Amino acid sequence: MSARLLKKRFRRQQGAAGKHCRFCGSASQLTNLDYKNATFLKNFLTERGKILPSRISGTCALHQRELSQSIRKSRVMALIPYIAPQF
């Protein structure tokens, strides 16, 4: 086996453990997933106001859908802005 392939295989094994959903583990975190908790939901938005994808936030598909629903509901209630403020 070539040195290049060995290096590539070593890099793959060396990486951190996969991302895990923070909502799947505990029920207490799931209670934070509420549209009224705007400060918590802002952690899942970019600085431009977009919803972070699940590959970056690390949430599973089920909780990503719930998270985006909560964010959208919070935007309708005017707790979170639709876009970032322009200065």
C-alpha atoms as a PDB file:
ATOM      1  CA  MET A   1       0.000   0.000   0.000  1.00  0.00           C
ATOM      2  CA  SER A   2       1.281   3.432  -0.873  1.00  0.00           C
ATOM      3  CA  ALA A   3       2.212   6.011   1.715  1.00  0.00           C
ATOM      4  CA  ARG A   4      -0.504   8.322   0.410  1.00  0.00           C
ATOM      5  CA  LEU A   5      -3.251   5.765   1.027  1.00  0.00           C
ATOM      6  CA  LEU A   6      -1.894   4.947   4.488  1.00  0.00           C
ATOM      7  CA  LYS A   7      -1.941   8.621   5.384  1.00  0.00           C
ATOM      8  CA  LYS A   8      -5.512   8.957   4.124  1.00  0.00           C
ATOM      9  CA  ARG A   9      -6.701   5.917   6.075  1.00  0.00           C
ATOM     10  CA  PHE A  10      -4.999   7.165   9.251  1.00  0.00           C
ATOM     11  CA  ARG A  11      -6.689  10.566   8.915  1.00  0.00           C
ATOM     12  CA  ARG A  12     -10.113   8.945   8.652  1.00  0.00           C
ATOM     13  CA  GLN A  13      -9.600   6.830  11.771  1.00  0.00           C
ATOM     14  CA  GLN A  14      -8.117   9.694  13.734  1.00  0.00           C
ATOM     15  CA  GLY A  15     -11.109  12.042  13.381  1.00  0.00           C
ATOM     16  CA  ALA A  16     -13.435  12.862  16.230  1.00  0.00           C
ATOM     17  CA  ALA A  17     -16.458  10.762  16.987  1.00  0.00           C
ATOM     18  CA  GLY A  18     -19.491  11.580  14.858  1.00  0.00           C
ATOM     19  CA  LYS A  19     -21.817  14.390  15.755  1.00  0.00           C
ATOM     20  CA  HIS A  20     -24.710  13.375  17.920  1.00  0.00           C
ATOM     21  CA  CYS A  21     -28.088  14.934  18.378  1.00  0.00           C
ATOM     22  CA  ARG A  22     -28.283  16.922  21.583  1.00  0.00           C
ATOM     23  CA  PHE A  23     -32.044  16.391  21.839  1.00  0.00           C
ATOM     24  CA  CYS A  24     -32.088  12.590  21.526  1.00  0.00           C
ATOM     25  CA  GLY A  25     -30.230  11.960  24.784  1.00  0.00           C
ATOM     26  CA  SER A  26     -32.192  13.785  27.435  1.00  0.00           C
ATOM     27  CA  ALA A  27     -35.779  14.885  27.884  1.00  0.00           C
ATOM     28  CA  SER A  28     -34.680  18.063  29.671  1.00  0.00           C
ATOM     29  CA  GLN A  29     -33.014  19.394  26.518  1.00  0.00           C
ATOM     30  CA  LEU A  30     -36.130  18.614  24.527  1.00  0.00           C
ATOM     31  CA  THR A  31     -38.129  20.944  26.753  1.00  0.00           C
ATOM     32  CA  ASN A  32     -35.790  23.772  25.693  1.00  0.00           C
ATOM     33  CA  LEU A  33     -36.944  23.208  22.122  1.00  0.00           C
ATOM     34  CA  ASP A  34     -39.858  25.605  22.368  1.00  0.00           C
ATOM     35  CA  TYR A  35     -40.707  28.560  20.151  1.00  0.00           C
ATOM     36  CA  LYS A  36     -40.868  30.860  23.207  1.00  0.00           C
ATOM     37  CA  ASN A  37     -37.212  30.174  24.108  1.00  0.00           C
ATOM     38  CA  ALA A  38     -35.735  32.635  21.611  1.00  0.00           C
ATOM     39  CA  THR A  39     -32.275  32.839  23.175  1.00  0.00           C
ATOM     40  CA  PHE A  40     -31.836  29.074  22.813  1.00  0.00           C
ATOM     41  CA  LEU A  41     -33.132  29.053  19.241  1.00  0.00           C
ATOM     42  CA  LYS A  42     -30.724  31.815  18.199  1.00  0.00           C
ATOM     43  CA  ASN A  43     -27.891  29.290  18.643  1.00  0.00           C
ATOM     44  CA  PHE A  44     -29.212  27.456  15.575  1.00  0.00           C
ATOM     45  CA  LEU A  45     -29.191  30.518  13.310  1.00  0.00           C
ATOM     46  CA  THR A  46     -26.352  31.986  11.293  1.00  0.00           C
ATOM     47  CA  GLU A  47     -25.325  35.599  11.711  1.00  0.00           C
ATOM     48  CA  ARG A  48     -27.440  36.367   8.626  1.00  0.00           C
ATOM     49  CA  GLY A  49     -30.531  34.780  10.195  1.00  0.00           C
ATOM     50  CA  LYS A  50     -30.620  31.484   8.279  1.00  0.00           C
ATOM     51  CA  ILE A  51     -31.365  28.153   9.962  1.00  0.00           C
ATOM     52  CA  LEU A  52     -28.254  26.012  10.358  1.00  0.00           C
ATOM     53  CA  PRO A  53     -28.367  22.693   8.492  1.00  0.00           C
ATOM     54  CA  SER A  54     -28.332  19.461  10.459  1.00  0.00           C
ATOM     55  CA  ARG A  55     -24.872  18.531   9.174  1.00  0.00           C
ATOM     56  CA  ILE A  56     -23.470  21.563  10.988  1.00  0.00           C
ATOM     57  CA  SER A  57     -25.702  21.675  14.055  1.00  0.00           C
ATOM     58  CA  GLY A  58     -25.447  17.895  14.536  1.00  0.00           C
ATOM     59  CA  THR A  59     -29.141  17.280  15.107  1.00  0.00           C
ATOM     60  CA  CYS A  60     -30.930  14.222  13.756  1.00  0.00           C
ATOM     61  CA  ALA A  61     -33.530  14.583  10.992  1.00  0.00           C
ATOM     62  CA  LEU A  62     -36.502  14.296  13.349  1.00  0.00           C
ATOM     63  CA  HIS A  63     -35.290  16.988  15.720  1.00  0.00           C
ATOM     64  CA  GLN A  64     -34.042  19.191  12.863  1.00  0.00           C
ATOM     65  CA  ARG A  65     -37.619  19.334  11.571  1.00  0.00           C
ATOM     66  CA  GLU A  66     -38.940  20.189  15.044  1.00  0.00           C
ATOM     67  CA  LEU A  67     -36.212  22.794  15.462  1.00  0.00           C
ATOM     68  CA  SER A  68     -36.984  24.502  12.170  1.00  0.00           C
ATOM     69  CA  GLN A  69     -40.713  24.488  12.978  1.00  0.00           C
ATOM     70  CA  SER A  70     -39.975  26.155  16.326  1.00  0.00           C
ATOM     71  CA  ILE A  71     -37.774  28.762  14.665  1.00  0.00           C
ATOM     72  CA  ARG A  72     -40.418  29.532  12.049  1.00  0.00           C
ATOM     73  CA  LYS A  73     -43.129  29.826  14.681  1.00  0.00           C
ATOM     74  CA  SER A  74     -40.882  32.109  16.735  1.00  0.00           C
ATOM     75  CA  ARG A  75     -40.328  34.311  13.680  1.00  0.00           C
ATOM     76  CA  VAL A  76     -44.074  34.627  13.115  1.00  0.00           C
ATOM     77  CA  MET A  77     -44.524  35.657  16.755  1.00  0.00           C
ATOM     78  CA  ALA A  78     -41.748  38.270  16.227  1.00  0.00           C
ATOM     79  CA  LEU A  79     -39.438  36.767  18.863  1.00  0.00           C
ATOM     80  CA  ILE A  80     -36.665  36.194  16.307  1.00  0.00           C
ATOM     81  CA  PRO A  81     -36.073  38.457  13.281  1.00  0.00           C
ATOM     82  CA  TYR A  82     -36.379  37.017   9.787  1.00  0.00           C
ATOM     83  CA  ILE A  83     -33.108  38.610   8.682  1.00  0.00           C
ATOM     84  CA  ALA A  84     -30.085  40.052  10.434  1.00  0.00           C
ATOM     85  CA  PRO A  85     -30.281  43.736  11.323  1.00  0.00           C
ATOM     86  CA  GLN A  86     -28.462  45.985   8.829  1.00  0.00           C
ATOM     87  CA  PHE A  87     -26.106  48.563  10.289  1.00  0.00           C
END
